[in-house]
Amino acid sequence: MRLISTKIHGILDYLLGTFLVAAPWILNFHRGAVETWILVIAGIIILVVSMVTDHETGVWRALSMRIHLSIDFFLGVLLAASPLLLGAGQNTYLPMMVGVIELVILIFSAREAADNKTRSPAKNSLSSWREERYNR
């Protein structure tokens, strides 16, 4: 059993994504340089992925939690490596810290939503969602 449920993971994603989008302005380094936009783009990716993941806080449940966690992994590695990729400037350490936090959350997160354990696999597919939606 993992320490962070998928519901808590989703809530953390919404909080982290919102913080990342606003961080350059909150922390006053919004010069329009790459360190500003890497945070904004990472925040938008986190928010969108969380909204389309099949877990308790998902809005449109199109992605499995495993795909969500894979995207979290790659985004976390990219952000953690940002000082190497962008140059070791003063403002590249915030993306690095966020990347490390993202990876720690990933390590302790559940791999499947609690409500998915009782659902049939067909309910997770996009085609069954369309069928359900248009047959109402």
Protein backbone atom coordinates (compact mmCIF):
# COMPACT_ATOMS: atom_id res chain seq x y z
CA MET A 1 0.00 0.00 0.00
CA ARG A 2 1.26 3.45 -0.93
CA LEU A 3 1.19 6.41 1.45
CA ILE A 4 -0.42 8.84 -1.01
CA SER A 5 -3.80 7.82 -2.42
CA THR A 6 -4.72 8.77 -5.97
CA LYS A 7 -7.22 11.28 -4.59
CA ILE A 8 -4.53 13.04 -2.54
CA HIS A 9 -2.16 12.79 -5.53
CA GLY A 10 -4.74 14.55 -7.69
CA ILE A 11 -5.23 17.30 -5.11
CA LEU A 12 -1.45 17.76 -4.84
CA ASP A 13 -1.24 17.95 -8.64
CA TYR A 14 -3.85 20.71 -8.78
CA LEU A 15 -2.08 22.66 -6.01
CA LEU A 16 1.39 22.16 -7.52
CA GLY A 17 0.23 22.98 -11.05
CA THR A 18 -1.49 26.17 -9.92
CA PHE A 19 1.56 27.19 -7.89
CA LEU A 20 3.89 26.59 -10.84
CA VAL A 21 1.80 28.70 -13.21
CA ALA A 22 1.76 31.58 -10.69
CA ALA A 23 5.27 31.12 -9.19
CA PRO A 24 7.21 33.46 -11.51
CA TRP A 25 4.93 36.33 -10.51
CA ILE A 26 4.58 35.37 -6.85
CA LEU A 27 8.36 34.97 -6.45
CA ASN A 28 9.12 37.97 -8.67
CA PHE A 29 11.28 36.50 -11.43
CA HIS A 30 8.91 36.92 -14.36
CA ARG A 31 11.38 38.31 -16.89
CA GLY A 32 10.00 36.19 -19.72
CA ALA A 33 13.14 34.05 -19.78
CA VAL A 34 13.18 30.28 -20.05
CA GLU A 35 13.10 29.79 -16.26
CA THR A 36 9.75 31.60 -16.21
CA TRP A 37 8.17 29.61 -19.01
CA ILE A 38 9.46 26.19 -17.93
CA LEU A 39 7.50 26.61 -14.70
CA VAL A 40 4.36 27.88 -16.44
CA ILE A 41 4.43 25.11 -19.06
CA ALA A 42 5.16 22.43 -16.42
CA GLY A 43 2.25 23.74 -14.33
CA ILE A 44 -0.12 23.64 -17.29
CA ILE A 45 0.99 20.09 -18.15
CA ILE A 46 0.44 18.96 -14.55
CA LEU A 47 -3.03 20.54 -14.46
CA VAL A 48 -4.14 19.12 -17.82
CA VAL A 49 -2.80 15.63 -17.10
CA SER A 50 -4.51 15.60 -13.71
CA MET A 51 -7.81 16.72 -15.25
CA VAL A 52 -7.78 13.90 -17.82
CA THR A 53 -6.61 11.10 -15.50
CA ASP A 54 -8.94 8.32 -14.41
CA HIS A 55 -8.85 8.99 -10.67
CA GLU A 56 -11.11 10.58 -8.10
CA THR A 57 -10.21 14.17 -9.00
CA GLY A 58 -10.16 13.69 -12.77
CA VAL A 59 -12.62 15.72 -14.81
CA TRP A 60 -12.44 13.76 -18.06
CA ARG A 61 -11.10 10.30 -17.27
CA ALA A 62 -9.19 9.40 -20.42
CA LEU A 63 -5.68 8.54 -19.10
CA SER A 64 -4.88 5.66 -16.78
CA MET A 65 -3.09 6.38 -13.53
CA ARG A 66 -0.05 4.49 -14.82
CA ILE A 67 0.26 6.81 -17.82
CA HIS A 68 -0.25 9.79 -15.50
CA LEU A 69 2.58 8.57 -13.27
CA SER A 70 4.83 8.02 -16.31
CA ILE A 71 4.24 11.62 -17.39
CA ASP A 72 4.95 12.74 -13.81
CA PHE A 73 8.22 10.81 -13.90
CA PHE A 74 9.45 12.37 -17.15
CA LEU A 75 8.35 15.85 -16.08
CA GLY A 76 10.01 15.41 -12.67
CA VAL A 77 13.28 14.27 -14.26
CA LEU A 78 13.18 17.16 -16.75
CA LEU A 79 12.56 19.71 -13.99
CA ALA A 80 15.17 18.14 -11.69
CA ALA A 81 17.73 18.31 -14.50
CA SER A 82 16.80 21.90 -15.44
CA PRO A 83 19.95 23.51 -13.94
CA LEU A 84 22.04 21.26 -16.18
CA LEU A 85 19.84 21.88 -19.22
CA LEU A 86 19.31 25.62 -18.73
CA GLY A 87 22.57 26.62 -17.08
CA ALA A 88 23.08 26.92 -13.35
CA GLY A 89 21.45 30.32 -12.98
CA GLN A 90 19.87 31.54 -9.78
CA ASN A 91 16.30 30.97 -10.98
CA THR A 92 16.81 27.43 -12.29
CA TYR A 93 16.87 25.92 -8.82
CA LEU A 94 13.13 26.32 -8.23
CA PRO A 95 12.28 24.05 -11.19
CA MET A 96 14.88 21.58 -9.91
CA MET A 97 13.31 21.51 -6.43
CA VAL A 98 9.84 21.11 -7.94
CA GLY A 99 11.13 18.21 -10.05
CA VAL A 100 12.51 16.48 -6.95
CA ILE A 101 9.20 17.05 -5.12
CA GLU A 102 7.33 15.61 -8.12
CA LEU A 103 9.53 12.49 -8.03
CA VAL A 104 9.07 12.04 -4.27
CA ILE A 105 5.28 12.31 -4.64
CA LEU A 106 5.49 9.76 -7.46
CA ILE A 107 7.42 7.25 -5.33
CA PHE A 108 4.81 7.31 -2.57
CA SER A 109 1.67 7.45 -4.75
CA ALA A 110 -0.80 4.64 -5.33
CA ARG A 111 -0.72 3.15 -8.81
CA GLU A 112 -4.47 2.71 -9.23
CA ALA A 113 -7.49 4.68 -8.07
CA ALA A 114 -9.59 3.02 -5.39
CA ASP A 115 -12.78 3.28 -7.45
CA ASN A 116 -11.06 1.61 -10.44
CA LYS A 117 -10.60 -1.66 -8.56
CA THR A 118 -14.31 -2.44 -8.79
CA ARG A 119 -14.84 -1.18 -12.34
CA SER A 120 -14.56 -3.30 -15.44
CA PRO A 121 -11.60 -2.51 -17.74
CA ALA A 122 -13.96 -1.39 -20.52
CA LYS A 123 -15.13 1.56 -18.39
CA ASN A 124 -11.63 3.08 -18.60
CA SER A 125 -11.50 3.32 -22.38
CA LEU A 126 -12.23 6.41 -24.39
CA SER A 127 -14.57 4.55 -26.74
CA SER A 128 -16.77 3.36 -23.87
CA TRP A 129 -16.87 6.92 -22.54
CA ARG A 130 -18.11 8.16 -25.91
CA GLU A 131 -20.64 5.35 -26.12
CA GLU A 132 -21.89 6.11 -22.61
CA ARG A 133 -22.07 9.83 -23.29
CA TYR A 134 -23.99 9.63 -26.56
CA ASN A 135 -26.39 6.87 -25.52
CA ARG A 136 -28.00 8.96 -22.78
